[in-house]
Amino acid sequence: MVEEYCKRVHEYFNGLEKHCFPFDESKIPKNGLYVLFEKSECCHGTCRIVMVGTTQEVNQLWWIG
C-alpha cells in the first residue's frame, strides 16, 4: 500500500513543470511547496524525489538558500 502511494506521488510531481538552475524568478510562485529531484536516480520509472518542503518566510519560495 505504501509503495503504491509513493508511486502516485512520484508520478504526480514528475508530471508537473520543472525548473532548473539558473531559473527565471518570475516563473516561480512566491509561496507553496517545493519538490527537488535527483536526475541520475529513478523511482517507479520517474526521477526520484529527494526533498519536499516549504519556506519559513512569506514570499520566499524562489529563494531557497
N, C-alpha and C. Protein backbone atom coordinates (compact mmCIF):
# COMPACT_ATOMS: atom_id res chain seq x y z
N MET A 1 0.82 -1.20 0.00
CA MET A 1 0.00 0.00 0.00
C MET A 1 0.86 1.26 0.00
N VAL A 2 1.89 1.32 0.86
CA VAL A 2 2.77 2.48 0.92
C VAL A 2 3.49 2.65 -0.41
N GLU A 3 3.91 1.55 -1.01
CA GLU A 3 4.61 1.63 -2.29
C GLU A 3 3.72 2.23 -3.37
N GLU A 4 2.44 1.92 -3.37
CA GLU A 4 1.51 2.48 -4.36
C GLU A 4 1.36 3.99 -4.15
N TYR A 5 1.28 4.45 -2.90
CA TYR A 5 1.21 5.89 -2.63
C TYR A 5 2.49 6.58 -3.09
N CYS A 6 3.62 5.96 -2.82
CA CYS A 6 4.91 6.50 -3.25
C CYS A 6 4.95 6.65 -4.77
N LYS A 7 4.50 5.64 -5.45
CA LYS A 7 4.46 5.66 -6.93
C LYS A 7 3.57 6.80 -7.42
N ARG A 8 2.40 6.95 -6.82
CA ARG A 8 1.47 8.02 -7.23
C ARG A 8 2.08 9.41 -7.01
N VAL A 9 2.75 9.60 -5.88
CA VAL A 9 3.38 10.89 -5.58
C VAL A 9 4.47 11.18 -6.62
N HIS A 10 5.30 10.20 -6.91
CA HIS A 10 6.36 10.39 -7.91
C HIS A 10 5.77 10.69 -9.28
N GLU A 11 4.76 9.97 -9.69
CA GLU A 11 4.15 10.21 -11.00
C GLU A 11 3.51 11.59 -11.06
N TYR A 12 2.83 12.00 -10.01
CA TYR A 12 2.19 13.31 -9.99
C TYR A 12 3.21 14.43 -10.13
N PHE A 13 4.20 14.45 -9.26
CA PHE A 13 5.16 15.55 -9.26
C PHE A 13 6.07 15.52 -10.48
N ASN A 14 6.37 14.36 -11.02
CA ASN A 14 7.17 14.29 -12.24
C ASN A 14 6.38 14.80 -13.44
N GLY A 15 5.06 14.83 -13.35
CA GLY A 15 4.22 15.32 -14.43
C GLY A 15 4.06 16.83 -14.46
N LEU A 16 4.50 17.51 -13.42
CA LEU A 16 4.40 18.97 -13.35
C LEU A 16 5.60 19.63 -14.03
N GLU A 17 5.47 20.91 -14.34
CA GLU A 17 6.57 21.67 -14.93
C GLU A 17 7.76 21.70 -13.95
N LYS A 18 8.95 21.51 -14.50
CA LYS A 18 10.16 21.53 -13.68
C LYS A 18 10.99 22.77 -14.02
N HIS A 19 11.72 23.26 -13.06
CA HIS A 19 12.61 24.40 -13.22
C HIS A 19 14.01 23.97 -12.81
N CYS A 20 15.00 24.40 -13.57
CA CYS A 20 16.40 24.07 -13.28
C CYS A 20 17.19 25.34 -13.06
N PHE A 21 18.27 25.23 -12.30
CA PHE A 21 19.16 26.37 -12.08
C PHE A 21 19.99 26.62 -13.33
N PRO A 22 20.22 27.83 -13.72
CA PRO A 22 19.56 29.04 -13.21
C PRO A 22 18.13 29.11 -13.73
N PHE A 23 17.25 29.73 -13.00
CA PHE A 23 15.85 29.79 -13.40
C PHE A 23 15.35 31.22 -13.43
N ASP A 24 14.25 31.42 -14.12
CA ASP A 24 13.60 32.73 -14.23
C ASP A 24 12.71 32.92 -13.00
N GLU A 25 13.09 33.82 -12.11
CA GLU A 25 12.35 34.04 -10.86
C GLU A 25 10.87 34.35 -11.09
N SER A 26 10.55 34.98 -12.22
CA SER A 26 9.16 35.36 -12.48
C SER A 26 8.28 34.14 -12.73
N LYS A 27 8.86 32.99 -13.01
CA LYS A 27 8.09 31.77 -13.26
C LYS A 27 7.90 30.92 -12.00
N ILE A 28 8.52 31.32 -10.90
CA ILE A 28 8.44 30.56 -9.66
C ILE A 28 7.41 31.22 -8.73
N PRO A 29 6.43 30.45 -8.22
CA PRO A 29 5.48 31.05 -7.27
C PRO A 29 6.20 31.58 -6.04
N LYS A 30 5.62 32.56 -5.38
CA LYS A 30 6.24 33.14 -4.20
C LYS A 30 6.05 32.28 -2.96
N ASN A 31 4.99 31.48 -2.93
CA ASN A 31 4.69 30.64 -1.77
C ASN A 31 4.26 29.25 -2.26
N GLY A 32 4.42 28.25 -1.41
CA GLY A 32 3.96 26.90 -1.75
C GLY A 32 4.97 25.84 -1.37
N LEU A 33 4.79 24.66 -1.92
CA LEU A 33 5.69 23.54 -1.72
C LEU A 33 6.80 23.56 -2.75
N TYR A 34 7.94 23.00 -2.39
CA TYR A 34 8.95 22.73 -3.40
C TYR A 34 9.30 21.26 -3.34
N VAL A 35 9.58 20.71 -4.50
CA VAL A 35 9.94 19.30 -4.64
C VAL A 35 11.23 19.26 -5.43
N LEU A 36 12.27 18.63 -4.87
CA LEU A 36 13.55 18.52 -5.56
C LEU A 36 13.75 17.08 -6.02
N PHE A 37 14.29 16.95 -7.23
CA PHE A 37 14.52 15.64 -7.84
C PHE A 37 16.01 15.39 -8.01
N GLU A 38 16.37 14.14 -8.13
CA GLU A 38 17.73 13.73 -8.48
C GLU A 38 17.64 13.12 -9.88
N LYS A 39 18.17 13.84 -10.87
CA LYS A 39 18.07 13.39 -12.26
C LYS A 39 18.71 12.03 -12.50
N SER A 40 19.77 11.73 -11.78
CA SER A 40 20.51 10.50 -12.04
C SER A 40 19.93 9.29 -11.32
N GLU A 41 18.85 9.48 -10.56
CA GLU A 41 18.25 8.37 -9.82
C GLU A 41 16.78 8.22 -10.20
N CYS A 42 16.34 6.98 -10.32
CA CYS A 42 14.95 6.70 -10.68
C CYS A 42 14.20 6.06 -9.53
N CYS A 43 12.90 6.29 -9.53
CA CYS A 43 12.00 5.65 -8.58
C CYS A 43 10.66 5.48 -9.28
N HIS A 44 10.18 4.28 -9.38
CA HIS A 44 8.91 3.99 -10.05
C HIS A 44 8.93 4.47 -11.51
N GLY A 45 10.07 4.40 -12.15
CA GLY A 45 10.19 4.79 -13.55
C GLY A 45 10.22 6.29 -13.79
N THR A 46 10.43 7.09 -12.74
CA THR A 46 10.49 8.55 -12.87
C THR A 46 11.72 9.06 -12.11
N CYS A 47 11.99 10.37 -12.23
CA CYS A 47 13.08 10.96 -11.44
C CYS A 47 12.72 10.85 -9.96
N ARG A 48 13.68 10.47 -9.15
CA ARG A 48 13.45 10.25 -7.72
C ARG A 48 13.35 11.57 -6.96
N ILE A 49 12.32 11.70 -6.15
CA ILE A 49 12.16 12.86 -5.27
C ILE A 49 13.13 12.70 -4.11
N VAL A 50 13.94 13.75 -3.88
CA VAL A 50 14.90 13.70 -2.79
C VAL A 50 14.58 14.67 -1.66
N MET A 51 13.69 15.63 -1.91
CA MET A 51 13.32 16.58 -0.86
C MET A 51 11.97 17.21 -1.19
N VAL A 52 11.17 17.40 -0.16
CA VAL A 52 9.91 18.13 -0.25
C VAL A 52 9.89 19.09 0.91
N GLY A 53 9.48 20.32 0.66
CA GLY A 53 9.45 21.28 1.77
C GLY A 53 8.65 22.52 1.45
N THR A 54 8.66 23.43 2.40
CA THR A 54 8.04 24.75 2.26
C THR A 54 9.02 25.77 2.82
N THR A 55 8.74 27.02 2.57
CA THR A 55 9.58 28.07 3.12
C THR A 55 9.10 28.44 4.52
N GLN A 56 9.97 29.06 5.28
CA GLN A 56 9.58 29.50 6.62
C GLN A 56 9.14 30.95 6.63
N GLU A 57 9.41 31.66 5.54
CA GLU A 57 9.02 33.06 5.45
C GLU A 57 8.07 33.26 4.28
N VAL A 58 7.22 34.26 4.37
CA VAL A 58 6.25 34.56 3.32
C VAL A 58 6.98 35.12 2.09
N ASN A 59 6.53 34.69 0.93
CA ASN A 59 7.03 35.18 -0.37
C ASN A 59 8.51 34.90 -0.59
N GLN A 60 9.00 33.78 -0.12
CA GLN A 60 10.42 33.46 -0.28
C GLN A 60 10.65 32.10 -0.95
N LEU A 61 9.65 31.53 -1.63
CA LEU A 61 9.80 30.20 -2.20
C LEU A 61 10.93 30.14 -3.21
N TRP A 62 11.06 31.14 -4.06
CA TRP A 62 12.09 31.09 -5.11
C TRP A 62 13.49 31.21 -4.55
N TRP A 63 13.62 31.73 -3.33
CA TRP A 63 14.96 31.88 -2.74
C TRP A 63 15.14 30.86 -1.64
N ILE A 64 15.62 29.71 -2.02
CA ILE A 64 15.88 28.65 -1.04
C ILE A 64 17.39 28.53 -0.94
N GLY A 65 17.95 29.05 0.13
CA GLY A 65 19.39 29.02 0.21
C GLY A 65 19.91 28.95 1.61
